[in-house]
Amino acid sequence: MDIAIVSIFFWVMILVGLFSLKAVKNTAGFFVADRRGTTTAITGSLLATIIGGSGTIGLAGLGYSKGLAGAWWMLVGAIGLMVLSIFFASKVRGFKVFTLPEILEAQYGGSTVKIVASFLIATAWLGIISAQIIAAGKILSVLWPGQLPLLMIISASVFIIYTVLGGQYSILRTDLIQSIIIISGILVCLVAGIFATKGLAATPGQLPEGFFSFPTSPEFTVRELLHYFLFVGATFLVGPDIYSRIFSAKNKETAQKSTMIAALVMVPLAFGITFIGITARMLLPEIPPESALPSLIMQIIPAGLSGLVIAALLAAMMSSADTCLLTTGIIISADIIQPLFGSKMSEKKLLMISRLCVMVAGTLSLVIALEIQSIIAALLVGYTIYSSGLVVPIILGFYRKRLKLNTLGAIVAVIAGGGLGLYLKTGGYNNLLLVTLPLSAIFLIGGSYAGRFLSLKKKTNVIKA
């Protein structure tokens, strides 16, 4: 029964991709669904994208290991979305572009900053897609133990296929279906967990002291909270996957309303999924944290319903992976490859290359996934690289004239900020990560000053000549 439910889910997703293929007439259809997204479609797609591997297996694992304070992983995202809705969503939608790097180009001028940002995003997002593939494989391993590599290949193949076929139309349609399945599955698991623990009263394993402490706890410090705000929450305020939803909205009002609704729904979901992790700690105290959710499903959910929950979790992984995959493929094709050809590239050729880039990015992500073990660790590396290099230039770019910022400053901030974040994170210097965003601002302002100085010097030399 459970296997049948999962198989049907896979085939429905592919059929939606085939159906969406007819709707894609040009790059605008493939990139942003012709900007026809309604509030329902955009909200559903945002929720499905956000509640991915990190928002299910990862967040439940944080609840298992860190207690109630683990909910901050999703709460910082909700706060980031609220700020985006109130201050920036209408501005982002006002740019009639397809990708986030194009906003940088519009803010600072010149294609160089767009290309540099595109390389950084593509690098970071490959790791994030990989994390979703790992999570999907771990979920399927509940039904087929010991086959993790094969299961990752199967799940990756499904979302690569429907993304290549229908682009943004496929994603908006599949995400709306997936968001309903995801929330239903989480509710089933939460209710079953409460009954199994008799309202969190049955505790076969002793919970650590302060497990229900909030906002911080012995297992979750203020420093960790700041890391989450700066490197996770910031990707919701400025994120290529989030912005791709805003670009697809039919108008500014839809963009604002959708991001706020999604943010409000995320708050109860954050605590609900964290409680599921705490439930797993009570009932299964000796398992690895990121095995909490899959193990709990097999322990307390009856056959049939467990298939629904597994399908819900698969939907969560795939809806995040497909958005990140499409975004990465479009950025590579439209913001890196197309500028090299200029006006010589036709619309038909760009669409073909975009599909090819989506396929290549998906394949590379799968290769990375087969080498990585931890979902949260993989995501933190990607988020750190991205946030360190791009958050400050984009946010301050909305006030570029007032702050006297220019192209050289943006390029310096993207390269130096992203490079510093990568070096500190992979080098194990986690205690120094909090300085990356302030330094990014210094790089931006200092680089802009240098740009003005060089420009003035060039003009002076021309006058003398």
Protein backbone atom coordinates (compact mmCIF):
# COMPACT_ATOMS: atom_id res chain seq x y z
CA MET A 1 0.00 0.00 0.00
CA ASP A 2 2.72 2.51 1.01
CA ILE A 3 4.82 1.67 -2.07
CA ALA A 4 1.76 2.10 -4.31
CA ILE A 5 1.04 5.58 -2.87
CA VAL A 6 4.64 6.71 -3.44
CA SER A 7 4.66 5.29 -6.99
CA ILE A 8 1.42 7.10 -7.83
CA PHE A 9 2.88 10.33 -6.45
CA PHE A 10 5.95 10.01 -8.70
CA TRP A 11 3.85 9.38 -11.81
CA VAL A 12 1.48 12.26 -11.07
CA MET A 13 4.45 14.65 -10.85
CA ILE A 14 5.79 13.46 -14.23
CA LEU A 15 2.32 13.75 -15.81
CA VAL A 16 2.03 17.34 -14.55
CA GLY A 17 5.37 18.04 -16.23
CA LEU A 18 4.11 16.55 -19.51
CA PHE A 19 0.90 18.59 -19.25
CA SER A 20 2.89 21.77 -18.53
CA LEU A 21 5.11 21.20 -21.57
CA LYS A 22 2.32 22.53 -23.81
CA ALA A 23 2.09 25.78 -21.84
CA VAL A 24 5.74 26.67 -22.42
CA LYS A 25 5.81 28.71 -25.62
CA ASN A 26 8.91 30.82 -24.91
CA THR A 27 11.53 31.67 -22.27
CA ALA A 28 9.04 33.82 -20.29
CA GLY A 29 6.85 30.74 -19.91
CA PHE A 30 9.76 28.50 -18.90
CA PHE A 31 11.37 31.08 -16.58
CA VAL A 32 8.40 32.77 -14.83
CA ALA A 33 5.20 31.06 -16.09
CA ASP A 34 4.42 34.21 -18.14
CA ARG A 35 4.03 36.12 -14.82
CA ARG A 36 0.51 34.75 -14.33
CA GLY A 37 0.91 33.44 -10.77
CA THR A 38 -2.10 34.03 -8.51
CA THR A 39 -1.94 34.50 -4.73
CA THR A 40 -2.96 30.85 -4.21
CA ALA A 41 -0.37 29.52 -6.66
CA ILE A 42 2.49 31.70 -5.40
CA THR A 43 1.70 31.06 -1.71
CA GLY A 44 1.46 27.31 -2.27
CA SER A 45 4.70 27.30 -4.24
CA LEU A 46 6.52 29.34 -1.57
CA LEU A 47 5.40 26.97 1.19
CA ALA A 48 6.28 23.87 -0.80
CA THR A 49 9.69 25.32 -1.66
CA ILE A 50 10.48 26.38 1.91
CA ILE A 51 9.39 23.17 3.66
CA GLY A 52 12.04 21.03 2.03
CA GLY A 53 14.55 18.61 3.45
CA SER A 54 15.73 21.19 5.96
CA GLY A 55 12.17 22.04 6.98
CA THR A 56 11.16 18.43 7.58
CA ILE A 57 13.95 15.91 8.23
CA GLY A 58 16.42 18.66 9.18
CA LEU A 59 14.05 20.57 11.47
CA ALA A 60 12.75 17.39 13.12
CA GLY A 61 16.40 16.42 13.67
CA LEU A 62 17.02 19.78 15.35
CA GLY A 63 13.97 19.23 17.56
CA TYR A 64 15.37 15.80 18.42
CA SER A 65 18.84 17.11 19.30
CA LYS A 66 18.23 20.68 20.52
CA GLY A 67 14.63 20.72 21.74
CA LEU A 68 12.06 23.45 21.20
CA ALA A 69 14.68 26.09 20.31
CA GLY A 70 15.40 24.11 17.13
CA ALA A 71 12.24 25.71 15.71
CA TRP A 72 14.34 28.79 14.97
CA TRP A 73 15.58 27.11 11.77
CA MET A 74 12.19 27.85 10.17
CA LEU A 75 11.19 30.83 12.34
CA VAL A 76 14.10 32.94 11.08
CA GLY A 77 12.86 32.19 7.57
CA ALA A 78 9.37 33.36 8.51
CA ILE A 79 10.82 36.61 9.87
CA GLY A 80 12.89 37.06 6.70
CA LEU A 81 9.77 36.59 4.55
CA MET A 82 7.80 39.10 6.64
CA VAL A 83 10.51 41.73 6.17
CA LEU A 84 10.60 40.91 2.46
CA SER A 85 6.82 41.28 2.18
CA ILE A 86 6.67 44.61 4.00
CA PHE A 87 9.72 46.39 2.55
CA PHE A 88 11.02 44.73 -0.61
CA ALA A 89 8.53 42.39 -2.37
CA SER A 90 6.90 45.14 -4.44
CA LYS A 91 10.34 46.54 -5.36
CA VAL A 92 11.54 43.11 -6.47
CA ARG A 93 8.40 42.54 -8.56
CA GLY A 94 8.86 46.01 -10.03
CA PHE A 95 12.00 44.79 -11.79
CA LYS A 96 10.73 43.11 -14.94
CA VAL A 97 13.51 40.51 -14.93
CA PHE A 98 13.81 36.73 -14.76
CA THR A 99 16.61 36.19 -12.23
CA LEU A 100 18.12 37.68 -9.09
CA PRO A 101 21.49 38.50 -10.76
CA GLU A 102 19.56 40.66 -13.22
CA ILE A 103 18.44 42.79 -10.27
CA LEU A 104 22.11 43.39 -9.41
CA GLU A 105 22.72 44.38 -13.02
CA ALA A 106 19.78 46.81 -12.90
CA GLN A 107 20.95 48.25 -9.57
CA TYR A 108 24.64 48.71 -10.35
CA GLY A 109 24.85 48.63 -14.14
CA GLY A 110 27.07 46.46 -16.33
CA SER A 111 26.92 42.71 -16.91
CA THR A 112 30.10 41.86 -14.96
CA VAL A 113 28.43 42.00 -11.54
CA LYS A 114 25.59 39.84 -12.88
CA ILE A 115 27.98 37.17 -14.16
CA VAL A 116 30.04 37.15 -10.94
CA ALA A 117 26.89 36.81 -8.81
CA SER A 118 25.61 34.05 -11.08
CA PHE A 119 28.71 31.93 -10.53
CA LEU A 120 28.38 32.37 -6.75
CA ILE A 121 24.68 31.45 -6.72
CA ALA A 122 25.19 28.41 -8.96
CA THR A 123 28.00 27.14 -6.70
CA ALA A 124 25.99 27.60 -3.50
CA TRP A 125 22.73 26.24 -4.88
CA LEU A 126 24.22 23.00 -6.16
CA GLY A 127 24.91 22.11 -2.52
CA ILE A 128 21.37 23.05 -1.52
CA ILE A 129 19.83 20.88 -4.26
CA SER A 130 22.11 18.04 -3.15
CA ALA A 131 20.79 18.31 0.40
CA GLN A 132 17.21 17.84 -0.87
CA ILE A 133 18.27 14.76 -2.86
CA ILE A 134 19.89 13.27 0.26
CA ALA A 135 16.72 13.93 2.25
CA ALA A 136 14.50 12.33 -0.41
CA GLY A 137 16.73 9.24 -0.45
CA LYS A 138 16.58 8.93 3.35
CA ILE A 139 12.79 9.12 3.27
CA LEU A 140 12.50 6.42 0.60
CA SER A 141 14.94 4.23 2.53
CA VAL A 142 12.15 3.75 5.08
CA LEU A 143 10.41 1.59 2.47
CA TRP A 144 13.56 0.19 0.83
CA PRO A 145 16.32 -0.06 3.47
CA GLY A 146 19.92 -0.29 2.35
CA GLN A 147 19.34 1.22 -1.10
CA LEU A 148 20.14 4.90 -0.40
CA PRO A 149 22.23 5.66 -3.54
CA LEU A 150 19.66 4.07 -5.88
CA LEU A 151 16.78 5.88 -4.12
CA MET A 152 18.54 9.24 -4.46
CA ILE A 153 18.97 8.58 -8.19
CA ILE A 154 15.26 7.71 -8.60
CA SER A 155 13.93 10.73 -6.71
CA ALA A 156 16.37 13.11 -8.44
CA SER A 157 15.41 11.73 -11.85
CA VAL A 158 11.70 12.43 -11.25
CA PHE A 159 12.04 16.11 -10.34
CA ILE A 160 14.69 16.69 -13.02
CA ILE A 161 12.32 15.28 -15.66
CA TYR A 162 9.26 17.37 -14.79
CA THR A 163 11.36 20.52 -14.29
CA VAL A 164 13.04 20.14 -17.69
CA LEU A 165 9.67 19.55 -19.34
CA GLY A 166 7.50 22.34 -17.97
CA GLY A 167 9.85 24.78 -16.26
CA GLN A 168 8.09 27.29 -14.00
CA TYR A 169 4.64 26.09 -15.09
CA SER A 170 5.51 22.59 -13.86
CA ILE A 171 6.82 23.94 -10.57
CA LEU A 172 3.87 26.21 -9.75
CA ARG A 173 1.42 23.39 -10.50
CA THR A 174 3.29 20.59 -8.74
CA ASP A 175 4.13 22.83 -5.76
CA LEU A 176 0.47 23.67 -5.13
CA ILE A 177 -0.36 19.95 -5.02
CA GLN A 178 2.73 19.22 -2.95
CA SER A 179 2.02 21.96 -0.36
CA ILE A 180 -1.39 20.40 0.39
CA ILE A 181 0.16 16.93 0.70
CA ILE A 182 3.01 18.25 2.87
CA ILE A 183 0.78 20.01 5.42
CA SER A 184 -1.58 17.01 5.58
CA GLY A 185 1.32 14.63 6.22
CA ILE A 186 2.81 16.85 8.94
CA LEU A 187 -0.56 17.06 10.72
CA VAL A 188 -0.98 13.26 10.61
CA CYS A 189 2.50 12.73 12.03
CA LEU A 190 2.05 15.38 14.73
CA VAL A 191 -1.30 14.00 15.93
CA ALA A 192 0.01 10.41 15.90
CA GLY A 193 3.07 11.51 17.90
CA ILE A 194 0.96 13.27 20.53
CA PHE A 195 -1.22 10.18 20.97
CA ALA A 196 1.83 7.89 21.13
CA THR A 197 3.39 9.96 23.93
CA LYS A 198 0.05 10.62 25.65
CA GLY A 199 0.33 14.33 25.15
CA LEU A 200 4.15 14.40 25.54
CA ALA A 201 3.81 12.75 28.96
CA ALA A 202 5.18 9.30 28.11
CA THR A 203 8.95 9.53 28.25
CA PRO A 204 10.76 6.20 27.84
CA GLY A 205 14.00 8.17 27.42
CA GLN A 206 14.80 11.04 29.78
CA LEU A 207 14.88 14.36 27.95
CA PRO A 208 17.88 16.62 28.60
CA GLU A 209 17.47 19.53 30.96
CA GLY A 210 16.07 22.67 29.34
CA PHE A 211 14.76 20.76 26.31
CA PHE A 212 11.62 22.94 26.24
CA SER A 213 13.50 26.19 26.85
CA PHE A 214 12.93 29.00 24.35
CA PRO A 215 14.29 31.13 22.68
CA THR A 216 17.65 29.64 23.68
CA SER A 217 18.60 26.54 25.64
CA PRO A 218 21.68 24.67 26.87
CA GLU A 219 21.74 22.95 23.46
CA PHE A 220 21.08 26.12 21.43
CA THR A 221 23.10 29.24 22.23
CA VAL A 222 22.68 32.90 21.33
CA ARG A 223 25.59 32.56 18.88
CA GLU A 224 23.79 29.76 17.03
CA LEU A 225 20.65 31.89 16.89
CA LEU A 226 22.63 34.76 15.35
CA HIS A 227 24.11 32.36 12.80
CA TYR A 228 20.61 31.24 11.85
CA PHE A 229 19.40 34.82 11.45
CA LEU A 230 22.36 35.91 9.35
CA PHE A 231 22.92 32.85 7.18
CA VAL A 232 19.49 31.15 7.01
CA GLY A 233 17.00 33.97 7.55
CA ALA A 234 18.87 36.19 5.11
CA THR A 235 18.29 33.71 2.26
CA PHE A 236 14.54 34.23 2.69
CA LEU A 237 14.97 38.00 2.55
CA VAL A 238 17.24 37.74 -0.51
CA GLY A 239 17.04 34.33 -2.18
CA PRO A 240 16.97 33.35 -5.87
CA ASP A 241 14.38 30.64 -5.19
CA ILE A 242 12.12 33.02 -3.24
CA TYR A 243 12.58 35.79 -5.80
CA SER A 244 11.70 33.42 -8.64
CA ARG A 245 8.24 33.10 -7.06
CA ILE A 246 7.93 36.90 -6.82
CA PHE A 247 8.96 37.29 -10.48
CA SER A 248 6.17 34.84 -11.39
CA ALA A 249 3.44 36.76 -9.51
CA LYS A 250 0.95 38.59 -11.70
CA ASN A 251 1.47 41.93 -9.91
CA LYS A 252 3.12 43.63 -6.91
CA GLU A 253 0.11 43.14 -4.63
CA THR A 254 0.12 39.38 -5.26
CA ALA A 255 3.84 39.24 -4.46
CA GLN A 256 3.37 41.08 -1.15
CA LYS A 257 0.31 39.14 -0.06
CA SER A 258 1.74 35.72 -0.96
CA THR A 259 5.00 36.21 0.93
CA MET A 260 3.18 37.42 4.06
CA ILE A 261 0.68 34.53 4.07
CA ALA A 262 3.49 32.01 3.60
CA ALA A 263 5.45 33.60 6.48
CA LEU A 264 2.45 33.40 8.84
CA VAL A 265 1.79 29.74 7.98
CA MET A 266 5.45 28.90 8.63
CA VAL A 267 5.23 29.86 12.32
CA PRO A 268 2.88 27.05 13.50
CA LEU A 269 4.59 24.63 11.10
CA ALA A 270 7.97 25.39 12.69
CA PHE A 271 6.75 24.46 16.16
CA GLY A 272 4.73 21.49 14.89
CA ILE A 273 7.67 19.86 13.10
CA THR A 274 9.95 20.58 16.07
CA PHE A 275 7.47 18.84 18.36
CA ILE A 276 7.57 15.82 16.03
CA GLY A 277 11.34 15.69 16.59
CA ILE A 278 10.85 15.95 20.36
CA THR A 279 8.31 13.12 20.16
CA ALA A 280 10.89 10.98 18.38
CA ARG A 281 13.42 11.75 21.15
CA MET A 282 10.91 10.48 23.73
CA LEU A 283 10.06 7.27 21.89
CA LEU A 284 13.37 6.52 20.13
CA PRO A 285 16.18 8.00 22.23
CA GLU A 286 19.10 6.14 20.61
CA ILE A 287 18.80 7.01 16.91
CA PRO A 288 20.72 9.63 14.86
CA PRO A 289 18.86 13.01 14.86
CA GLU A 290 18.27 13.13 11.10
CA SER A 291 16.72 9.65 11.27
CA ALA A 292 14.10 10.91 13.74
CA LEU A 293 11.31 11.59 11.26
CA PRO A 294 11.68 8.48 9.04
CA SER A 295 12.04 6.22 12.10
CA LEU A 296 9.05 7.79 13.83
CA ILE A 297 6.89 7.22 10.76
CA MET A 298 7.60 3.50 10.81
CA GLN A 299 7.10 3.37 14.60
CA ILE A 300 3.74 5.11 15.06
CA ILE A 301 2.00 5.61 11.67
CA PRO A 302 -0.20 2.72 10.45
CA ALA A 303 0.26 1.30 6.92
CA GLY A 304 -1.51 3.41 4.32
CA LEU A 305 -1.26 6.57 6.36
CA SER A 306 2.50 6.09 6.53
CA GLY A 307 2.49 6.10 2.72
CA LEU A 308 0.73 9.47 2.80
CA VAL A 309 3.31 10.85 5.22
CA ILE A 310 6.21 9.53 3.14
CA ALA A 311 4.64 11.06 0.02
CA ALA A 312 4.28 14.35 1.93
CA LEU A 313 7.95 14.32 2.88
CA LEU A 314 8.98 13.44 -0.67
CA ALA A 315 6.85 16.34 -1.86
CA ALA A 316 8.72 18.60 0.56
CA MET A 317 12.12 17.52 -0.74
CA MET A 318 11.20 17.64 -4.41
CA SER A 319 9.37 20.97 -4.26
CA SER A 320 12.47 22.61 -2.80
CA ALA A 321 14.83 20.82 -5.15
CA ASP A 322 12.87 21.63 -8.32
CA THR A 323 12.73 25.36 -7.58
CA CYS A 324 16.44 25.56 -6.76
CA LEU A 325 17.22 23.43 -9.82
CA LEU A 326 15.22 25.59 -12.22
CA THR A 327 16.65 28.77 -10.71
CA THR A 328 20.21 27.47 -11.05
CA GLY A 329 19.70 26.29 -14.62
CA ILE A 330 18.15 29.60 -15.71
CA ILE A 331 20.91 31.64 -14.05
CA ILE A 332 23.60 29.59 -15.81
CA SER A 333 21.91 29.86 -19.21
CA ALA A 334 20.52 33.42 -19.12
CA ASP A 335 23.08 35.19 -16.93
CA ILE A 336 26.34 33.39 -17.79
CA ILE A 337 26.01 31.75 -21.22
CA GLN A 338 23.70 34.19 -23.02
CA PRO A 339 25.87 37.30 -22.42
CA LEU A 340 28.72 35.50 -24.20
CA PHE A 341 26.60 35.25 -27.38
CA GLY A 342 24.82 38.60 -27.08
CA SER A 343 22.08 39.20 -29.65
CA LYS A 344 23.19 36.18 -31.68
CA MET A 345 21.26 33.76 -29.45
CA SER A 346 17.64 33.22 -30.50
CA GLU A 347 14.76 32.69 -28.07
CA LYS A 348 14.40 29.08 -29.20
CA LYS A 349 18.11 28.40 -28.66
CA LEU A 350 18.08 30.01 -25.19
CA LEU A 351 15.12 27.84 -24.19
CA MET A 352 16.92 24.71 -25.38
CA ILE A 353 20.14 25.66 -23.56
CA SER A 354 18.15 26.45 -20.39
CA ARG A 355 16.64 22.97 -20.40
CA LEU A 356 20.09 21.48 -20.94
CA CYS A 357 21.52 23.54 -18.05
CA VAL A 358 18.72 22.33 -15.76
CA MET A 359 19.59 18.73 -16.66
CA VAL A 360 23.33 19.27 -16.11
CA ALA A 361 22.80 21.09 -12.79
CA GLY A 362 20.55 18.27 -11.59
CA THR A 363 23.11 15.66 -12.52
CA LEU A 364 25.94 17.52 -10.77
CA SER A 365 23.79 17.92 -7.65
CA LEU A 366 23.11 14.19 -7.63
CA VAL A 367 26.85 13.44 -7.86
CA ILE A 368 27.48 15.79 -4.89
CA ALA A 369 24.60 14.21 -2.95
CA LEU A 370 26.11 10.76 -3.29
CA GLU A 371 29.21 12.06 -1.44
CA ILE A 372 27.52 14.05 1.39
CA GLN A 373 25.89 12.70 4.55
CA SER A 374 24.40 15.56 6.63
CA ILE A 375 21.47 17.61 5.31
CA ILE A 376 21.81 20.58 7.68
CA ALA A 377 25.60 20.71 7.24
CA ALA A 378 25.29 20.76 3.45
CA LEU A 379 22.68 23.52 3.59
CA LEU A 380 24.71 25.66 5.98
CA VAL A 381 27.70 25.60 3.64
CA GLY A 382 25.53 26.73 0.72
CA TYR A 383 23.68 29.36 2.75
CA THR A 384 26.90 30.76 4.22
CA ILE A 385 28.56 31.22 0.81
CA TYR A 386 25.45 32.83 -0.61
CA SER A 387 24.58 35.12 2.31
CA SER A 388 28.17 36.32 2.76
CA GLY A 389 28.45 37.38 -0.86
CA LEU A 390 25.04 38.58 -1.99
CA VAL A 391 22.68 39.68 0.79
CA VAL A 392 24.37 43.01 1.56
CA PRO A 393 24.92 44.14 -2.09
CA ILE A 394 21.31 43.40 -3.03
CA ILE A 395 19.64 44.98 0.00
CA LEU A 396 21.84 48.09 -0.07
CA GLY A 397 21.45 48.17 -3.85
CA PHE A 398 17.88 49.38 -3.37
CA TYR A 399 19.45 52.51 -1.85
CA ARG A 400 22.43 52.68 -4.20
CA LYS A 401 22.17 56.37 -5.16
CA ARG A 402 21.73 57.53 -1.57
CA LEU A 403 24.76 55.48 -0.44
CA LYS A 404 26.80 56.32 -3.57
CA LEU A 405 27.47 52.67 -4.42
CA ASN A 406 28.74 51.49 -7.79
CA THR A 407 29.59 48.44 -9.87
CA LEU A 408 33.14 47.94 -8.61
CA GLY A 409 31.94 47.95 -5.00
CA ALA A 410 29.28 45.33 -5.78
CA ILE A 411 31.79 43.08 -7.58
CA VAL A 412 34.28 43.32 -4.69
CA ALA A 413 31.54 42.57 -2.12
CA VAL A 414 30.25 39.53 -4.02
CA ILE A 415 33.68 37.98 -4.63
CA ALA A 416 35.36 38.86 -1.32
CA GLY A 417 32.27 38.25 0.83
CA GLY A 418 31.40 34.91 -0.77
CA GLY A 419 35.03 33.79 -0.80
CA LEU A 420 35.46 34.70 2.86
CA GLY A 421 32.29 32.81 3.82
CA LEU A 422 33.49 29.72 1.93
CA TYR A 423 36.95 29.88 3.51
CA LEU A 424 35.69 30.31 7.08
CA LYS A 425 32.96 27.66 6.81
CA THR A 426 35.02 24.95 5.13
CA GLY A 427 38.09 25.82 7.24
CA GLY A 428 36.17 25.25 10.47
CA TYR A 429 36.33 28.89 11.64
CA ASN A 430 32.66 29.00 12.65
CA ASN A 431 33.33 31.46 15.48
CA LEU A 432 34.37 34.07 12.92
CA LEU A 433 31.39 33.67 10.56
CA LEU A 434 29.43 36.52 12.19
CA VAL A 435 31.92 39.04 10.76
CA THR A 436 31.21 38.14 7.12
CA LEU A 437 28.15 40.35 6.63
CA PRO A 438 29.68 43.47 8.23
CA LEU A 439 32.82 42.86 6.16
CA SER A 440 30.66 42.47 3.05
CA ALA A 441 29.27 45.95 3.73
CA ILE A 442 32.82 47.28 4.16
CA PHE A 443 33.87 45.63 0.88
CA LEU A 444 30.86 47.19 -0.87
CA ILE A 445 31.42 50.71 0.47
CA GLY A 446 35.24 50.55 0.14
CA GLY A 447 35.06 49.13 -3.38
CA SER A 448 32.56 51.84 -4.36
CA TYR A 449 34.90 54.53 -3.00
CA ALA A 450 37.75 53.02 -5.03
CA GLY A 451 35.51 52.98 -8.10
CA ARG A 452 34.68 56.66 -7.70
CA PHE A 453 38.35 57.51 -7.17
CA LEU A 454 39.44 55.60 -10.30
CA SER A 455 36.64 57.17 -12.33
CA LEU A 456 37.61 60.67 -11.19
CA LYS A 457 41.28 59.99 -11.94
CA LYS A 458 40.42 58.74 -15.42
CA LYS A 459 38.39 61.87 -16.15
CA THR A 460 41.23 64.08 -14.88
CA ASN A 461 43.72 62.32 -17.18
CA VAL A 462 41.37 62.75 -20.15
CA ILE A 463 41.03 66.49 -19.45
CA LYS A 464 44.83 66.90 -19.17
CA ALA A 465 45.34 65.03 -22.39
